[in-house]
Amino acid sequence: MAEGAEDDVSRAVSRRAATFRILGLLAGGLACASAAAEDFPTRPIHLIVPAAPGGPTDLPARLVAQVVPALGQPAVVENRPGAGGAIGARSVAVAPPDGYTLLVGNTSVLAVIPAVSASAGYDPAKNFLPVVKLTESYQILVVPPSSPFRSVRDVVAFARQHPGKLNIAHTGAGGLPHLTVELLKARAGIDLVGVPYKSGGESVTAVLGGQVDMTIEGITILLPLIRDGKLRALAVTSRARTPLAPDLPTMIEAGVLDYEVTTFNGVVAPAGTPAAIVGKLNAAINAGLQTPDMQGRLQKLGAVSRPNTPAEFAAFIAAEHAKWSALGIKVD
């Protein structure tokens, strides 16, 4: 055999040997990953909450921490508030993708902040793998009892005839309440003047005191005031009527087409987490939250929970991000 031909054969053999070594390493890695997924979990699971203790994101996380131990290991809740939730989200985005560090994210963290800010420091579609949607809740449009408006149609008709004459409280530029107002303006084709406050509680107090005409806030805050006659409810932001307030019409029923605002909480894992681990977590959390006891606790939080798959949750997050991005609001 000629010397050149021998060199070609030698190089081909070397390449094939290298290929087999790589395939062997990959196979070994896959085998290790499979074994790790099968044994998962072997140590405590950390649930990162990007908000302070006691709030509407922290409380569902505490319930999750009670059902995760069904997998054989405890769950530890760690609160990492700051930057509207971005600090906690960033920490999980760079965590090892092994299922032991999870983010309990909410609407703002998983959909709104990435939609309105180019400096969020994370991308939910690239950095996270959806595990399970935990809860859904909704908001209610309310006015004072002395208001002349008794329906959403009354508000829309007046606002169209008198652009800029009605004001509505929210909690500042770029937050979900602000975008909720902007979506109402866009869907109804009306001009409302937004009045920012530091918190939902302050927004509601302003309506109670007659300083503003209306606000849209969470069910948990508003239902007791509505039942006591201190506020008049006009509509709920869910697509279908909610069992939490079955007599209240939806915004869509009231004539504001395609208007739906969902406040949600859900668990996501770092991108690259094995599908088998995600599946284990999804099954355990779904099962744990569907017990009568957990359903009762969630209802007291003004939320509902339905079983869902990682793929369904991923599609939901993508749709939410697209909806808020379409408003074209940027805060940086």
Protein backbone atom coordinates (compact mmCIF):
# COMPACT_ATOMS: atom_id res chain seq x y z
CA MET A 1 0.00 0.00 0.00
CA ALA A 2 1.29 3.48 -0.86
CA GLU A 3 2.51 5.67 1.97
CA GLY A 4 -0.20 8.33 1.32
CA ALA A 5 -2.93 5.73 1.34
CA GLU A 6 -1.59 4.30 4.61
CA ASP A 7 -1.72 7.78 6.14
CA ASP A 8 -5.32 8.20 4.98
CA VAL A 9 -6.29 4.89 6.53
CA SER A 10 -4.47 5.77 9.73
CA ARG A 11 -6.27 9.09 9.96
CA ALA A 12 -9.64 7.45 9.27
CA VAL A 13 -9.01 4.87 11.98
CA SER A 14 -8.02 7.62 14.40
CA ARG A 15 -11.14 9.62 13.60
CA ARG A 16 -13.33 6.56 14.06
CA ALA A 17 -11.64 5.74 17.35
CA ALA A 18 -12.15 9.32 18.51
CA THR A 19 -15.78 9.12 17.46
CA PHE A 20 -16.30 5.92 19.44
CA ARG A 21 -14.61 7.50 22.47
CA ILE A 22 -16.97 10.49 22.24
CA LEU A 23 -19.98 8.23 21.81
CA GLY A 24 -18.80 6.20 24.76
CA LEU A 25 -18.52 9.31 26.88
CA LEU A 26 -21.95 10.47 25.77
CA ALA A 27 -23.45 7.08 26.53
CA GLY A 28 -21.81 7.10 29.92
CA GLY A 29 -23.10 10.60 30.56
CA LEU A 30 -26.61 9.63 29.52
CA ALA A 31 -26.46 6.55 31.71
CA CYS A 32 -25.37 8.70 34.66
CA ALA A 33 -28.12 11.23 33.94
CA SER A 34 -30.67 8.44 33.71
CA ALA A 35 -29.51 6.97 37.00
CA ALA A 36 -29.60 10.42 38.63
CA ALA A 37 -33.15 10.98 37.39
CA GLU A 38 -34.24 7.55 38.61
CA ASP A 39 -32.80 8.18 42.08
CA PHE A 40 -34.04 11.79 42.28
CA PRO A 41 -34.24 13.27 44.82
CA THR A 42 -31.47 12.26 47.17
CA ARG A 43 -31.21 15.56 49.05
CA PRO A 44 -33.44 18.53 49.93
CA ILE A 45 -35.00 20.57 47.13
CA HIS A 46 -34.68 24.37 47.32
CA LEU A 47 -37.65 26.49 46.28
CA ILE A 48 -36.50 30.02 45.45
CA VAL A 49 -39.23 32.61 45.97
CA PRO A 50 -38.37 35.95 44.30
CA ALA A 51 -40.49 37.88 46.81
CA ALA A 52 -40.73 38.59 50.51
CA PRO A 53 -42.31 36.12 52.96
CA GLY A 54 -46.06 36.18 53.42
CA GLY A 55 -47.06 37.50 50.00
CA PRO A 56 -49.11 36.01 47.15
CA THR A 57 -46.06 34.23 45.69
CA ASP A 58 -44.59 33.03 48.96
CA LEU A 59 -47.75 31.40 50.29
CA PRO A 60 -48.27 28.99 47.35
CA ALA A 61 -44.57 28.12 47.60
CA ARG A 62 -45.11 27.13 51.23
CA LEU A 63 -47.90 24.79 50.13
CA VAL A 64 -45.61 23.25 47.51
CA ALA A 65 -43.02 22.71 50.22
CA GLN A 66 -45.59 20.53 52.00
CA VAL A 67 -46.25 18.26 49.00
CA VAL A 68 -42.73 17.86 47.58
CA PRO A 69 -41.67 15.57 50.48
CA ALA A 70 -43.88 12.90 48.90
CA LEU A 71 -40.83 12.31 46.67
CA GLY A 72 -38.80 11.33 49.73
CA GLN A 73 -36.89 14.53 50.53
CA PRO A 74 -37.86 17.80 52.24
CA ALA A 75 -38.25 21.13 50.46
CA VAL A 76 -36.65 24.34 51.71
CA VAL A 77 -38.19 27.73 50.86
CA GLU A 78 -35.68 30.54 50.29
CA ASN A 79 -36.93 34.10 49.82
CA ARG A 80 -34.79 36.22 47.50
CA PRO A 81 -36.74 39.43 46.84
CA GLY A 82 -35.52 42.42 44.88
CA ALA A 83 -35.81 44.12 41.48
CA GLY A 84 -39.43 43.06 41.15
CA GLY A 85 -38.43 39.41 41.41
CA ALA A 86 -35.58 39.53 38.90
CA ILE A 87 -32.89 38.85 41.52
CA GLY A 88 -34.37 35.52 42.54
CA ALA A 89 -35.02 34.58 38.92
CA ARG A 90 -31.43 35.31 37.89
CA SER A 91 -30.10 33.11 40.67
CA VAL A 92 -32.10 30.12 39.44
CA ALA A 93 -31.24 30.80 35.80
CA VAL A 94 -27.57 30.00 36.55
CA ALA A 95 -28.20 27.16 39.03
CA PRO A 96 -27.19 23.57 38.17
CA PRO A 97 -29.91 21.88 36.07
CA ASP A 98 -30.36 18.96 38.45
CA GLY A 99 -33.82 19.60 39.90
CA TYR A 100 -32.57 20.66 43.32
CA THR A 101 -32.97 24.40 42.78
CA LEU A 102 -36.37 25.54 41.51
CA LEU A 103 -38.00 28.93 41.03
CA VAL A 104 -41.53 29.63 42.21
CA GLY A 105 -42.29 32.40 39.74
CA ASN A 106 -45.32 34.61 39.25
CA THR A 107 -46.88 36.55 36.40
CA SER A 108 -44.47 39.45 36.77
CA VAL A 109 -41.31 37.34 36.88
CA LEU A 110 -42.20 34.85 34.15
CA ALA A 111 -44.13 37.08 31.73
CA VAL A 112 -44.31 40.80 32.51
CA ILE A 113 -40.73 41.79 33.44
CA PRO A 114 -39.19 40.09 30.37
CA ALA A 115 -41.86 41.75 28.21
CA VAL A 116 -41.24 45.32 29.39
CA SER A 117 -37.54 45.29 30.28
CA ALA A 118 -34.50 44.56 28.13
CA SER A 119 -32.33 44.43 31.25
CA ALA A 120 -34.19 41.72 33.17
CA GLY A 121 -31.04 39.60 33.18
CA TYR A 122 -32.82 36.38 32.23
CA ASP A 123 -35.04 35.01 29.47
CA PRO A 124 -37.77 32.61 30.64
CA ALA A 125 -37.84 30.85 27.25
CA LYS A 126 -34.09 30.21 27.26
CA ASN A 127 -33.15 29.98 30.94
CA PHE A 128 -36.04 28.00 32.42
CA LEU A 129 -37.86 24.75 31.88
CA PRO A 130 -41.52 24.91 33.01
CA VAL A 131 -42.44 22.26 35.57
CA VAL A 132 -46.02 22.99 36.66
CA LYS A 133 -48.44 25.88 36.98
CA LEU A 134 -49.48 26.05 40.61
CA THR A 135 -52.30 28.57 40.83
CA GLU A 136 -54.43 30.97 38.86
CA SER A 137 -56.21 34.00 40.23
CA TYR A 138 -57.84 37.04 38.71
CA GLN A 139 -58.55 40.69 39.24
CA ILE A 140 -61.72 42.71 39.59
CA LEU A 141 -62.61 46.15 38.27
CA VAL A 142 -64.15 48.13 41.14
CA VAL A 143 -65.62 51.56 41.75
CA PRO A 144 -66.89 53.28 44.93
CA PRO A 145 -70.52 52.57 45.90
CA SER A 146 -71.32 56.22 45.13
CA SER A 147 -70.09 55.90 41.54
CA PRO A 148 -72.63 56.47 38.77
CA PHE A 149 -71.15 53.47 36.92
CA ARG A 150 -72.97 50.20 37.46
CA SER A 151 -71.39 48.21 34.64
CA VAL A 152 -68.30 48.08 32.45
CA ARG A 153 -70.45 49.28 29.56
CA ASP A 154 -71.24 52.43 31.55
CA VAL A 155 -67.53 53.07 32.06
CA VAL A 156 -66.65 52.45 28.41
CA ALA A 157 -69.49 54.62 27.10
CA PHE A 158 -68.52 57.54 29.35
CA ALA A 159 -64.81 57.20 28.58
CA ARG A 160 -65.46 57.24 24.84
CA GLN A 161 -67.58 60.36 25.13
CA HIS A 162 -65.17 62.06 27.55
CA PRO A 163 -61.58 60.95 26.75
CA GLY A 164 -59.13 61.48 29.62
CA LYS A 165 -61.81 62.39 32.16
CA LEU A 166 -61.74 59.14 34.13
CA ASN A 167 -58.78 58.05 36.23
CA ILE A 168 -57.75 54.62 37.44
CA ALA A 169 -55.30 53.62 40.17
CA HIS A 170 -52.43 51.18 39.60
CA THR A 171 -49.10 50.37 41.24
CA GLY A 172 -46.58 52.01 38.94
CA ALA A 173 -45.07 51.78 35.48
CA GLY A 174 -44.25 48.34 34.18
CA GLY A 175 -46.03 46.31 36.85
CA LEU A 176 -48.89 43.93 36.18
CA PRO A 177 -51.59 46.34 37.48
CA HIS A 178 -50.27 49.03 35.11
CA LEU A 179 -50.28 46.65 32.15
CA THR A 180 -53.75 45.46 33.16
CA VAL A 181 -54.96 49.06 32.79
CA GLU A 182 -53.15 49.50 29.47
CA LEU A 183 -54.73 46.31 28.15
CA LEU A 184 -58.17 47.61 29.13
CA LYS A 185 -57.50 50.86 27.29
CA ALA A 186 -56.31 48.98 24.21
CA ARG A 187 -59.08 46.39 24.12
CA ALA A 188 -61.92 48.84 24.87
CA GLY A 189 -60.52 51.70 22.80
CA ILE A 190 -60.75 54.23 25.63
CA ASP A 191 -58.50 56.82 27.25
CA LEU A 192 -58.11 56.49 31.02
CA VAL A 193 -55.63 58.44 33.13
CA GLY A 194 -53.48 56.12 35.22
CA VAL A 195 -52.66 57.23 38.76
CA PRO A 196 -49.70 55.34 40.26
CA TYR A 197 -49.53 54.27 43.90
CA LYS A 198 -46.91 52.33 45.83
CA SER A 199 -49.04 49.25 46.49
CA GLY A 200 -52.32 47.58 45.71
CA GLY A 201 -53.51 48.46 49.20
CA GLU A 202 -52.92 52.16 48.54
CA SER A 203 -54.73 51.92 45.20
CA VAL A 204 -57.76 50.38 46.87
CA THR A 205 -57.68 52.96 49.68
CA ALA A 206 -57.71 55.73 47.07
CA VAL A 207 -60.87 54.27 45.55
CA LEU A 208 -62.47 53.87 48.97
CA GLY A 209 -61.69 57.51 49.71
CA GLY A 210 -62.96 58.78 46.38
CA GLN A 211 -59.57 60.09 45.21
CA VAL A 212 -59.76 58.02 42.02
CA ASP A 213 -62.64 56.70 39.97
CA MET A 214 -61.70 53.03 39.88
CA THR A 215 -59.00 50.38 40.09
CA ILE A 216 -58.35 46.80 39.06
CA GLU A 217 -56.86 44.66 41.82
CA GLY A 218 -56.63 41.08 43.03
CA ILE A 219 -59.61 39.05 44.20
CA THR A 220 -58.07 38.36 47.60
CA ILE A 221 -57.83 42.07 48.44
CA LEU A 222 -61.19 43.08 46.99
CA LEU A 223 -63.71 40.34 47.77
CA PRO A 224 -64.10 41.18 51.49
CA LEU A 225 -64.65 44.86 50.65
CA ILE A 226 -67.13 43.98 47.91
CA ARG A 227 -69.08 41.68 50.22
CA ASP A 228 -69.19 44.41 52.89
CA GLY A 229 -70.60 46.88 50.36
CA LYS A 230 -67.57 49.16 50.54
CA LEU A 231 -66.79 48.71 46.85
CA ARG A 232 -68.91 47.95 43.80
CA ALA A 233 -67.58 45.19 41.56
CA LEU A 234 -68.15 45.60 37.83
CA ALA A 235 -66.36 42.60 36.28
CA VAL A 236 -63.68 39.96 36.77
CA THR A 237 -60.70 39.57 34.44
CA SER A 238 -61.03 35.79 33.94
CA ARG A 239 -62.07 34.42 30.54
CA ALA A 240 -64.91 32.42 32.13
CA ARG A 241 -66.68 33.20 35.37
CA THR A 242 -64.64 32.22 38.38
CA PRO A 243 -66.00 29.97 41.15
CA LEU A 244 -64.54 32.47 43.60
CA ALA A 245 -67.15 35.04 42.47
CA PRO A 246 -69.65 33.17 40.28
CA ASP A 247 -72.20 36.01 40.10
CA LEU A 248 -69.68 38.49 38.70
CA PRO A 249 -69.59 38.88 34.90
CA THR A 250 -66.31 38.70 33.03
CA MET A 251 -64.88 41.68 31.18
CA ILE A 252 -65.53 39.75 27.97
CA GLU A 253 -69.20 39.28 28.88
CA ALA A 254 -69.30 43.01 29.59
CA GLY A 255 -68.25 43.78 26.03
CA VAL A 256 -64.45 44.15 26.24
CA LEU A 257 -63.43 41.57 23.67
CA ASP A 258 -60.47 39.27 24.29
CA TYR A 259 -59.75 40.83 27.68
CA GLU A 260 -58.26 38.32 30.08
CA VAL A 261 -55.74 38.90 32.86
CA THR A 262 -54.53 35.95 34.89
CA THR A 263 -52.28 36.24 37.89
CA PHE A 264 -50.46 32.96 38.25
CA ASN A 265 -47.73 31.18 40.16
CA GLY A 266 -45.72 28.27 38.86
CA VAL A 267 -42.57 26.23 39.29
CA VAL A 268 -39.75 26.35 36.73
CA ALA A 269 -36.36 24.63 36.71
CA PRO A 270 -33.07 25.71 35.14
CA ALA A 271 -32.88 24.93 31.42
CA GLY A 272 -31.29 21.54 30.81
CA THR A 273 -32.93 19.80 33.76
CA PRO A 274 -33.63 16.18 32.70
CA ALA A 275 -37.17 15.54 31.50
CA ALA A 276 -37.53 12.58 33.87
CA ILE A 277 -36.85 14.83 36.87
CA VAL A 278 -39.29 17.46 35.60
CA GLY A 279 -41.87 14.72 35.17
CA LYS A 280 -41.40 13.48 38.74
CA LEU A 281 -41.80 16.98 40.13
CA ASN A 282 -44.83 17.70 37.98
CA ALA A 283 -46.62 14.51 39.06
CA ALA A 284 -45.91 14.99 42.76
CA ILE A 285 -46.95 18.65 42.87
CA ASN A 286 -50.08 18.11 40.78
CA ALA A 287 -51.18 15.25 43.02
CA GLY A 288 -50.41 17.12 46.22
CA LEU A 289 -52.33 20.25 45.28
CA GLN A 290 -55.50 18.40 44.24
CA THR A 291 -56.36 17.06 47.71
CA PRO A 292 -59.47 18.60 49.30
CA ASP A 293 -57.35 20.14 52.05
CA MET A 294 -55.00 21.89 49.62
CA GLN A 295 -57.86 23.01 47.39
CA GLY A 296 -59.49 24.61 50.40
CA ARG A 297 -56.31 26.41 51.36
CA LEU A 298 -55.83 27.70 47.84
CA GLN A 299 -59.38 28.98 47.70
CA LYS A 300 -58.73 31.00 50.86
CA LEU A 301 -55.85 32.61 48.96
CA GLY A 302 -58.26 33.55 46.19
CA ALA A 303 -56.73 31.04 43.80
CA VAL A 304 -57.60 27.86 41.94
CA SER A 305 -55.33 25.01 40.87
CA ARG A 306 -55.84 22.50 38.07
CA PRO A 307 -53.55 19.64 36.99
CA ASN A 308 -51.35 20.56 34.03
CA THR A 309 -48.33 19.28 32.14
CA PRO A 310 -44.96 21.01 31.64
CA ALA A 311 -45.84 21.50 27.97
CA GLU A 312 -49.15 23.15 28.85
CA PHE A 313 -47.45 25.46 31.30
CA ALA A 314 -44.79 26.34 28.72
CA ALA A 315 -47.46 27.27 26.18
CA PHE A 316 -49.27 29.35 28.80
CA ILE A 317 -46.13 31.34 29.70
CA ALA A 318 -45.36 31.94 26.03
CA ALA A 319 -48.89 33.25 25.41
CA GLU A 320 -48.72 35.54 28.45
CA HIS A 321 -45.35 36.94 27.37
CA ALA A 322 -46.67 37.57 23.85
CA LYS A 323 -49.78 39.33 25.18
CA TRP A 324 -47.84 41.77 27.34
CA SER A 325 -45.11 42.30 24.75
CA ALA A 326 -47.75 43.30 22.19
CA LEU A 327 -48.65 46.37 24.28
CA GLY A 328 -45.25 47.82 23.39
CA ILE A 329 -44.56 49.22 26.87
CA LYS A 330 -40.91 49.50 27.89
CA VAL A 331 -39.56 50.70 31.23
CA ASP A 332 -35.83 50.91 30.40
